[in-house]
């Protein structure tokens, strides 16, 4: 995570989860 803690699939139990996977946040399409 952005605070350097671990994030696991279990952290989202009971919620719908969308994994938006991309190369780099600093590119136009990824940012969009």
ModelCIF file with pLDDT and N, C-alpha, C, O atoms, coordinates in Angstrom:
data_MODEL
#
_entry.id   MODEL 
#
_entity.id                         1 
_entity.type                       polymer 
_entity.pdbx_number_of_molecules   1 
#
_entity_poly.entity_id                      1 
_entity_poly.type                           'polypeptide(L)' 
_entity_poly.nstd_linkage                   no 
_entity_poly.nstd_monomer                   no 
_entity_poly.pdbx_seq_one_letter_code       
;(UNK)(UNK)(UNK)(UNK)(UNK)(UNK)(UNK)(UNK)(UNK)(UNK)(UNK)(UNK)(UNK)(UNK)(UNK)(UNK)
(UNK)(UNK)(UNK)(UNK)(UNK)(UNK)(UNK)(UNK)(UNK)(UNK)(UNK)(UNK)(UNK)(UNK)(UNK)(UNK)
;
_entity_poly.pdbx_seq_one_letter_code_can   XXXXXXXXXXXXXXXXXXXXXXXXXXXXXXXX 
_entity_poly.pdbx_strand_id                 A 
#
loop_
_entity_poly_seq.entity_id 
_entity_poly_seq.num 
_entity_poly_seq.mon_id 
_entity_poly_seq.hetero 
1 1  UNK n 
1 2  UNK n 
1 3  UNK n 
1 4  UNK n 
1 5  UNK n 
1 6  UNK n 
1 7  UNK n 
1 8  UNK n 
1 9  UNK n 
1 10 UNK n 
1 11 UNK n 
1 12 UNK n 
1 13 UNK n 
1 14 UNK n 
1 15 UNK n 
1 16 UNK n 
1 17 UNK n 
1 18 UNK n 
1 19 UNK n 
1 20 UNK n 
1 21 UNK n 
1 22 UNK n 
1 23 UNK n 
1 24 UNK n 
1 25 UNK n 
1 26 UNK n 
1 27 UNK n 
1 28 UNK n 
1 29 UNK n 
1 30 UNK n 
1 31 UNK n 
1 32 UNK n 
#
_struct_asym.id          A 
_struct_asym.entity_id   1 
#
loop_
_ma_qa_metric.id 
_ma_qa_metric.mode 
_ma_qa_metric.name 
_ma_qa_metric.software_group_id 
_ma_qa_metric.type 
1 global pLDDT . pLDDT 
2 local  pLDDT . pLDDT 
#
_ma_qa_metric_global.metric_id      1 
_ma_qa_metric_global.metric_value   91.84 
_ma_qa_metric_global.model_id       1 
_ma_qa_metric_global.ordinal_id     1 
#
loop_
_ma_qa_metric_local.label_asym_id 
_ma_qa_metric_local.label_comp_id 
_ma_qa_metric_local.label_seq_id 
_ma_qa_metric_local.metric_id 
_ma_qa_metric_local.metric_value 
_ma_qa_metric_local.model_id 
_ma_qa_metric_local.ordinal_id 
A UNK 1  2 95.00 1 1  
A UNK 2  2 92.00 1 2  
A UNK 3  2 94.00 1 3  
A UNK 4  2 96.00 1 4  
A UNK 5  2 97.00 1 5  
A UNK 6  2 97.00 1 6  
A UNK 7  2 97.00 1 7  
A UNK 8  2 97.00 1 8  
A UNK 9  2 97.00 1 9  
A UNK 10 2 97.00 1 10 
A UNK 11 2 97.00 1 11 
A UNK 12 2 97.00 1 12 
A UNK 13 2 95.00 1 13 
A UNK 14 2 96.00 1 14 
A UNK 15 2 97.00 1 15 
A UNK 16 2 96.00 1 16 
A UNK 17 2 96.00 1 17 
A UNK 18 2 96.00 1 18 
A UNK 19 2 97.00 1 19 
A UNK 20 2 94.00 1 20 
A UNK 21 2 96.00 1 21 
A UNK 22 2 91.00 1 22 
A UNK 23 2 91.00 1 23 
A UNK 24 2 90.00 1 24 
A UNK 25 2 85.00 1 25 
A UNK 26 2 80.00 1 26 
A UNK 27 2 78.00 1 27 
A UNK 28 2 80.00 1 28 
A UNK 29 2 83.00 1 29 
A UNK 30 2 77.00 1 30 
A UNK 31 2 83.00 1 31 
A UNK 32 2 85.00 1 32 
#
loop_
_atom_site.group_PDB 
_atom_site.id 
_atom_site.type_symbol 
_atom_site.label_atom_id 
_atom_site.label_alt_id 
_atom_site.label_comp_id 
_atom_site.label_asym_id 
_atom_site.label_entity_id 
_atom_site.label_seq_id 
_atom_site.pdbx_PDB_ins_code 
_atom_site.Cartn_x 
_atom_site.Cartn_y 
_atom_site.Cartn_z 
_atom_site.occupancy 
_atom_site.B_iso_or_equiv 
_atom_site.pdbx_formal_charge 
_atom_site.auth_seq_id 
_atom_site.auth_comp_id 
_atom_site.auth_asym_id 
_atom_site.auth_atom_id 
_atom_site.pdbx_PDB_model_num 
ATOM 1   N N  . UNK A 1 1  ? 0.832   -1.202  0.000   1.00 95.00 ? 1  UNK A N  1 
ATOM 2   C CA . UNK A 1 1  ? 0.000   0.000   0.000   1.00 95.00 ? 1  UNK A CA 1 
ATOM 3   C C  . UNK A 1 1  ? 0.868   1.255   0.000   1.00 95.00 ? 1  UNK A C  1 
ATOM 4   O O  . UNK A 1 1  ? 2.090   1.180   0.132   1.00 95.00 ? 1  UNK A O  1 
ATOM 5   N N  . UNK A 1 2  ? 0.221   2.404   -0.150  1.00 92.00 ? 2  UNK A N  1 
ATOM 6   C CA . UNK A 1 2  ? 0.984   3.659   -0.192  1.00 92.00 ? 2  UNK A CA 1 
ATOM 7   C C  . UNK A 1 2  ? 1.623   4.020   1.145   1.00 92.00 ? 2  UNK A C  1 
ATOM 8   O O  . UNK A 1 2  ? 2.480   4.902   1.203   1.00 92.00 ? 2  UNK A O  1 
ATOM 9   N N  . UNK A 1 3  ? 1.214   3.344   2.223   1.00 94.00 ? 3  UNK A N  1 
ATOM 10  C CA . UNK A 1 3  ? 1.859   3.557   3.525   1.00 94.00 ? 3  UNK A CA 1 
ATOM 11  C C  . UNK A 1 3  ? 2.885   2.453   3.833   1.00 94.00 ? 3  UNK A C  1 
ATOM 12  O O  . UNK A 1 3  ? 3.386   2.355   4.953   1.00 94.00 ? 3  UNK A O  1 
ATOM 13  N N  . UNK A 1 4  ? 3.187   1.630   2.828   1.00 96.00 ? 4  UNK A N  1 
ATOM 14  C CA . UNK A 1 4  ? 4.138   0.515   2.872   1.00 96.00 ? 4  UNK A CA 1 
ATOM 15  C C  . UNK A 1 4  ? 3.640   -0.706  3.637   1.00 96.00 ? 4  UNK A C  1 
ATOM 16  O O  . UNK A 1 4  ? 4.393   -1.662  3.820   1.00 96.00 ? 4  UNK A O  1 
ATOM 17  N N  . UNK A 1 5  ? 2.379   -0.693  4.090   1.00 97.00 ? 5  UNK A N  1 
ATOM 18  C CA . UNK A 1 5  ? 1.787   -1.883  4.691   1.00 97.00 ? 5  UNK A CA 1 
ATOM 19  C C  . UNK A 1 5  ? 1.407   -2.871  3.591   1.00 97.00 ? 5  UNK A C  1 
ATOM 20  O O  . UNK A 1 5  ? 1.258   -2.497  2.428   1.00 97.00 ? 5  UNK A O  1 
ATOM 21  N N  . UNK A 1 6  ? 1.255   -4.129  3.976   1.00 97.00 ? 6  UNK A N  1 
ATOM 22  C CA . UNK A 1 6  ? 0.807   -5.145  3.038   1.00 97.00 ? 6  UNK A CA 1 
ATOM 23  C C  . UNK A 1 6  ? -0.692  -5.013  2.791   1.00 97.00 ? 6  UNK A C  1 
ATOM 24  O O  . UNK A 1 6  ? -1.455  -4.644  3.683   1.00 97.00 ? 6  UNK A O  1 
ATOM 25  N N  . UNK A 1 7  ? -1.092  -5.318  1.574   1.00 97.00 ? 7  UNK A N  1 
ATOM 26  C CA . UNK A 1 7  ? -2.503  -5.424  1.183   1.00 97.00 ? 7  UNK A CA 1 
ATOM 27  C C  . UNK A 1 7  ? -2.675  -6.845  0.655   1.00 97.00 ? 7  UNK A C  1 
ATOM 28  O O  . UNK A 1 7  ? -1.886  -7.307  -0.170  1.00 97.00 ? 7  UNK A O  1 
ATOM 29  N N  . UNK A 1 8  ? -3.710  -7.536  1.133   1.00 97.00 ? 8  UNK A N  1 
ATOM 30  C CA . UNK A 1 8  ? -3.963  -8.896  0.664   1.00 97.00 ? 8  UNK A CA 1 
ATOM 31  C C  . UNK A 1 8  ? -5.388  -9.005  0.135   1.00 97.00 ? 8  UNK A C  1 
ATOM 32  O O  . UNK A 1 8  ? -6.221  -8.131  0.376   1.00 97.00 ? 8  UNK A O  1 
ATOM 33  N N  . UNK A 1 9  ? -5.653  -10.067 -0.574  1.00 97.00 ? 9  UNK A N  1 
ATOM 34  C CA . UNK A 1 9  ? -7.002  -10.312 -1.066  1.00 97.00 ? 9  UNK A CA 1 
ATOM 35  C C  . UNK A 1 9  ? -7.983  -10.391 0.107   1.00 97.00 ? 9  UNK A C  1 
ATOM 36  O O  . UNK A 1 9  ? -9.114  -9.917  0.003   1.00 97.00 ? 9  UNK A O  1 
ATOM 37  N N  . UNK A 1 10 ? -7.561  -10.974 1.194   1.00 97.00 ? 10 UNK A N  1 
ATOM 38  C CA . UNK A 1 10 ? -8.412  -11.114 2.374   1.00 97.00 ? 10 UNK A CA 1 
ATOM 39  C C  . UNK A 1 10 ? -8.893  -9.758  2.910   1.00 97.00 ? 10 UNK A C  1 
ATOM 40  O O  . UNK A 1 10 ? -9.968  -9.678  3.505   1.00 97.00 ? 10 UNK A O  1 
ATOM 41  N N  . UNK A 1 11 ? -8.111  -8.702  2.704   1.00 97.00 ? 11 UNK A N  1 
ATOM 42  C CA . UNK A 1 11 ? -8.514  -7.367  3.151   1.00 97.00 ? 11 UNK A CA 1 
ATOM 43  C C  . UNK A 1 11 ? -9.801  -6.893  2.494   1.00 97.00 ? 11 UNK A C  1 
ATOM 44  O O  . UNK A 1 11 ? -10.445 -5.968  2.989   1.00 97.00 ? 11 UNK A O  1 
ATOM 45  N N  . UNK A 1 12 ? -10.180 -7.516  1.389   1.00 97.00 ? 12 UNK A N  1 
ATOM 46  C CA . UNK A 1 12 ? -11.362 -7.086  0.636   1.00 97.00 ? 12 UNK A CA 1 
ATOM 47  C C  . UNK A 1 12 ? -12.499 -8.103  0.732   1.00 97.00 ? 12 UNK A C  1 
ATOM 48  O O  . UNK A 1 12 ? -13.454 -8.039  -0.042  1.00 97.00 ? 12 UNK A O  1 
ATOM 49  N N  . UNK A 1 13 ? -12.402 -9.038  1.675   1.00 95.00 ? 13 UNK A N  1 
ATOM 50  C CA . UNK A 1 13 ? -13.438 -10.055 1.852   1.00 95.00 ? 13 UNK A CA 1 
ATOM 51  C C  . UNK A 1 13 ? -14.795 -9.378  2.071   1.00 95.00 ? 13 UNK A C  1 
ATOM 52  O O  . UNK A 1 13 ? -14.904 -8.428  2.846   1.00 95.00 ? 13 UNK A O  1 
ATOM 53  N N  . UNK A 1 14 ? -15.817 -9.873  1.387   1.00 96.00 ? 14 UNK A N  1 
ATOM 54  C CA . UNK A 1 14 ? -17.166 -9.318  1.515   1.00 96.00 ? 14 UNK A CA 1 
ATOM 55  C C  . UNK A 1 14 ? -17.411 -8.087  0.667   1.00 96.00 ? 14 UNK A C  1 
ATOM 56  O O  . UNK A 1 14 ? -18.495 -7.505  0.714   1.00 96.00 ? 14 UNK A O  1 
ATOM 57  N N  . UNK A 1 15 ? -16.410 -7.682  -0.112  1.00 97.00 ? 15 UNK A N  1 
ATOM 58  C CA . UNK A 1 15 ? -16.569 -6.539  -1.013  1.00 97.00 ? 15 UNK A CA 1 
ATOM 59  C C  . UNK A 1 15 ? -16.302 -6.986  -2.442  1.00 97.00 ? 15 UNK A C  1 
ATOM 60  O O  . UNK A 1 15 ? -15.593 -7.966  -2.676  1.00 97.00 ? 15 UNK A O  1 
ATOM 61  N N  . UNK A 1 16 ? -16.876 -6.258  -3.395  1.00 96.00 ? 16 UNK A N  1 
ATOM 62  C CA . UNK A 1 16 ? -16.524 -6.463  -4.795  1.00 96.00 ? 16 UNK A CA 1 
ATOM 63  C C  . UNK A 1 16 ? -15.204 -5.736  -5.017  1.00 96.00 ? 16 UNK A C  1 
ATOM 64  O O  . UNK A 1 16 ? -14.989 -4.641  -4.498  1.00 96.00 ? 16 UNK A O  1 
ATOM 65  N N  . UNK A 1 17 ? -14.326 -6.360  -5.797  1.00 96.00 ? 17 UNK A N  1 
ATOM 66  C CA . UNK A 1 17 ? -13.001 -5.800  -6.012  1.00 96.00 ? 17 UNK A CA 1 
ATOM 67  C C  . UNK A 1 17 ? -12.699 -5.752  -7.502  1.00 96.00 ? 17 UNK A C  1 
ATOM 68  O O  . UNK A 1 17 ? -12.833 -6.748  -8.213  1.00 96.00 ? 17 UNK A O  1 
ATOM 69  N N  . UNK A 1 18 ? -12.289 -4.575  -7.958  1.00 96.00 ? 18 UNK A N  1 
ATOM 70  C CA . UNK A 1 18 ? -11.823 -4.403  -9.327  1.00 96.00 ? 18 UNK A CA 1 
ATOM 71  C C  . UNK A 1 18 ? -10.316 -4.173  -9.265  1.00 96.00 ? 18 UNK A C  1 
ATOM 72  O O  . UNK A 1 18 ? -9.852  -3.209  -8.656  1.00 96.00 ? 18 UNK A O  1 
ATOM 73  N N  . UNK A 1 19 ? -9.562  -5.059  -9.893  1.00 97.00 ? 19 UNK A N  1 
ATOM 74  C CA . UNK A 1 19 ? -8.119  -4.870  -10.008 1.00 97.00 ? 19 UNK A CA 1 
ATOM 75  C C  . UNK A 1 19 ? -7.859  -4.165  -11.332 1.00 97.00 ? 19 UNK A C  1 
ATOM 76  O O  . UNK A 1 19 ? -8.002  -4.763  -12.399 1.00 97.00 ? 19 UNK A O  1 
ATOM 77  N N  . UNK A 1 20 ? -7.481  -2.903  -11.263 1.00 94.00 ? 20 UNK A N  1 
ATOM 78  C CA . UNK A 1 20 ? -7.121  -2.105  -12.427 1.00 94.00 ? 20 UNK A CA 1 
ATOM 79  C C  . UNK A 1 20 ? -5.601  -2.175  -12.519 1.00 94.00 ? 20 UNK A C  1 
ATOM 80  O O  . UNK A 1 20 ? -4.898  -1.426  -11.841 1.00 94.00 ? 20 UNK A O  1 
ATOM 81  N N  . UNK A 1 21 ? -5.098  -3.075  -13.358 1.00 96.00 ? 21 UNK A N  1 
ATOM 82  C CA . UNK A 1 21 ? -3.667  -3.380  -13.423 1.00 96.00 ? 21 UNK A CA 1 
ATOM 83  C C  . UNK A 1 21 ? -3.076  -2.656  -14.631 1.00 96.00 ? 21 UNK A C  1 
ATOM 84  O O  . UNK A 1 21 ? -3.654  -2.673  -15.717 1.00 96.00 ? 21 UNK A O  1 
ATOM 85  N N  . UNK A 1 22 ? -1.925  -2.021  -14.435 1.00 91.00 ? 22 UNK A N  1 
ATOM 86  C CA . UNK A 1 22 ? -1.313  -1.277  -15.534 1.00 91.00 ? 22 UNK A CA 1 
ATOM 87  C C  . UNK A 1 22 ? 0.186   -1.119  -15.310 1.00 91.00 ? 22 UNK A C  1 
ATOM 88  O O  . UNK A 1 22 ? 0.683   -1.396  -14.219 1.00 91.00 ? 22 UNK A O  1 
ATOM 89  N N  . UNK A 1 23 ? 0.923   -0.667  -16.357 1.00 91.00 ? 23 UNK A N  1 
ATOM 90  C CA . UNK A 1 23 ? 2.383   -0.563  -16.242 1.00 91.00 ? 23 UNK A CA 1 
ATOM 91  C C  . UNK A 1 23 ? 2.876   0.511   -15.283 1.00 91.00 ? 23 UNK A C  1 
ATOM 92  O O  . UNK A 1 23 ? 3.713   0.229   -14.425 1.00 91.00 ? 23 UNK A O  1 
ATOM 93  N N  . UNK A 1 24 ? 2.372   1.746   -15.411 1.00 90.00 ? 24 UNK A N  1 
ATOM 94  C CA . UNK A 1 24 ? 2.876   2.840   -14.572 1.00 90.00 ? 24 UNK A CA 1 
ATOM 95  C C  . UNK A 1 24 ? 1.861   3.960   -14.459 1.00 90.00 ? 24 UNK A C  1 
ATOM 96  O O  . UNK A 1 24 ? 1.284   4.389   -15.457 1.00 90.00 ? 24 UNK A O  1 
ATOM 97  N N  . UNK A 1 25 ? 1.649   4.425   -13.257 1.00 85.00 ? 25 UNK A N  1 
ATOM 98  C CA . UNK A 1 25 ? 0.713   5.515   -12.982 1.00 85.00 ? 25 UNK A CA 1 
ATOM 99  C C  . UNK A 1 25 ? 1.116   6.800   -13.703 1.00 85.00 ? 25 UNK A C  1 
ATOM 100 O O  . UNK A 1 25 ? 0.277   7.672   -13.933 1.00 85.00 ? 25 UNK A O  1 
ATOM 101 N N  . UNK A 1 26 ? 2.387   6.921   -14.058 1.00 80.00 ? 26 UNK A N  1 
ATOM 102 C CA . UNK A 1 26 ? 2.896   8.143   -14.682 1.00 80.00 ? 26 UNK A CA 1 
ATOM 103 C C  . UNK A 1 26 ? 2.845   8.117   -16.210 1.00 80.00 ? 26 UNK A C  1 
ATOM 104 O O  . UNK A 1 26 ? 3.616   8.818   -16.866 1.00 80.00 ? 26 UNK A O  1 
ATOM 105 N N  . UNK A 1 27 ? 1.950   7.320   -16.778 1.00 78.00 ? 27 UNK A N  1 
ATOM 106 C CA . UNK A 1 27 ? 1.749   7.330   -18.224 1.00 78.00 ? 27 UNK A CA 1 
ATOM 107 C C  . UNK A 1 27 ? 0.303   7.735   -18.507 1.00 78.00 ? 27 UNK A C  1 
ATOM 108 O O  . UNK A 1 27 ? -0.572  7.504   -17.673 1.00 78.00 ? 27 UNK A O  1 
ATOM 109 N N  . UNK A 1 28 ? 0.041   8.333   -19.664 1.00 80.00 ? 28 UNK A N  1 
ATOM 110 C CA . UNK A 1 28 ? -1.289  8.909   -19.924 1.00 80.00 ? 28 UNK A CA 1 
ATOM 111 C C  . UNK A 1 28 ? -2.455  7.923   -19.802 1.00 80.00 ? 28 UNK A C  1 
ATOM 112 O O  . UNK A 1 28 ? -3.451  8.241   -19.153 1.00 80.00 ? 28 UNK A O  1 
ATOM 113 N N  . UNK A 1 29 ? -2.358  6.746   -20.404 1.00 83.00 ? 29 UNK A N  1 
ATOM 114 C CA . UNK A 1 29 ? -3.484  5.811   -20.370 1.00 83.00 ? 29 UNK A CA 1 
ATOM 115 C C  . UNK A 1 29 ? -3.708  5.261   -18.968 1.00 83.00 ? 29 UNK A C  1 
ATOM 116 O O  . UNK A 1 29 ? -4.850  5.082   -18.545 1.00 83.00 ? 29 UNK A O  1 
ATOM 117 N N  . UNK A 1 30 ? -2.635  4.997   -18.254 1.00 77.00 ? 30 UNK A N  1 
ATOM 118 C CA . UNK A 1 30 ? -2.751  4.496   -16.882 1.00 77.00 ? 30 UNK A CA 1 
ATOM 119 C C  . UNK A 1 30 ? -3.397  5.545   -15.986 1.00 77.00 ? 30 UNK A C  1 
ATOM 120 O O  . UNK A 1 30 ? -4.255  5.227   -15.163 1.00 77.00 ? 30 UNK A O  1 
ATOM 121 N N  . UNK A 1 31 ? -2.982  6.788   -16.150 1.00 83.00 ? 31 UNK A N  1 
ATOM 122 C CA . UNK A 1 31 ? -3.564  7.887   -15.379 1.00 83.00 ? 31 UNK A CA 1 
ATOM 123 C C  . UNK A 1 31 ? -5.045  8.036   -15.698 1.00 83.00 ? 31 UNK A C  1 
ATOM 124 O O  . UNK A 1 31 ? -5.861  8.247   -14.800 1.00 83.00 ? 31 UNK A O  1 
ATOM 125 N N  . UNK A 1 32 ? -5.392  7.925   -16.984 1.00 85.00 ? 32 UNK A N  1 
ATOM 126 C CA . UNK A 1 32 ? -6.797  8.035   -17.392 1.00 85.00 ? 32 UNK A CA 1 
ATOM 127 C C  . UNK A 1 32 ? -7.632  6.932   -16.770 1.00 85.00 ? 32 UNK A C  1 
ATOM 128 O O  . UNK A 1 32 ? -8.840  6.867   -17.002 1.00 85.00 ? 32 UNK A O  1 
#
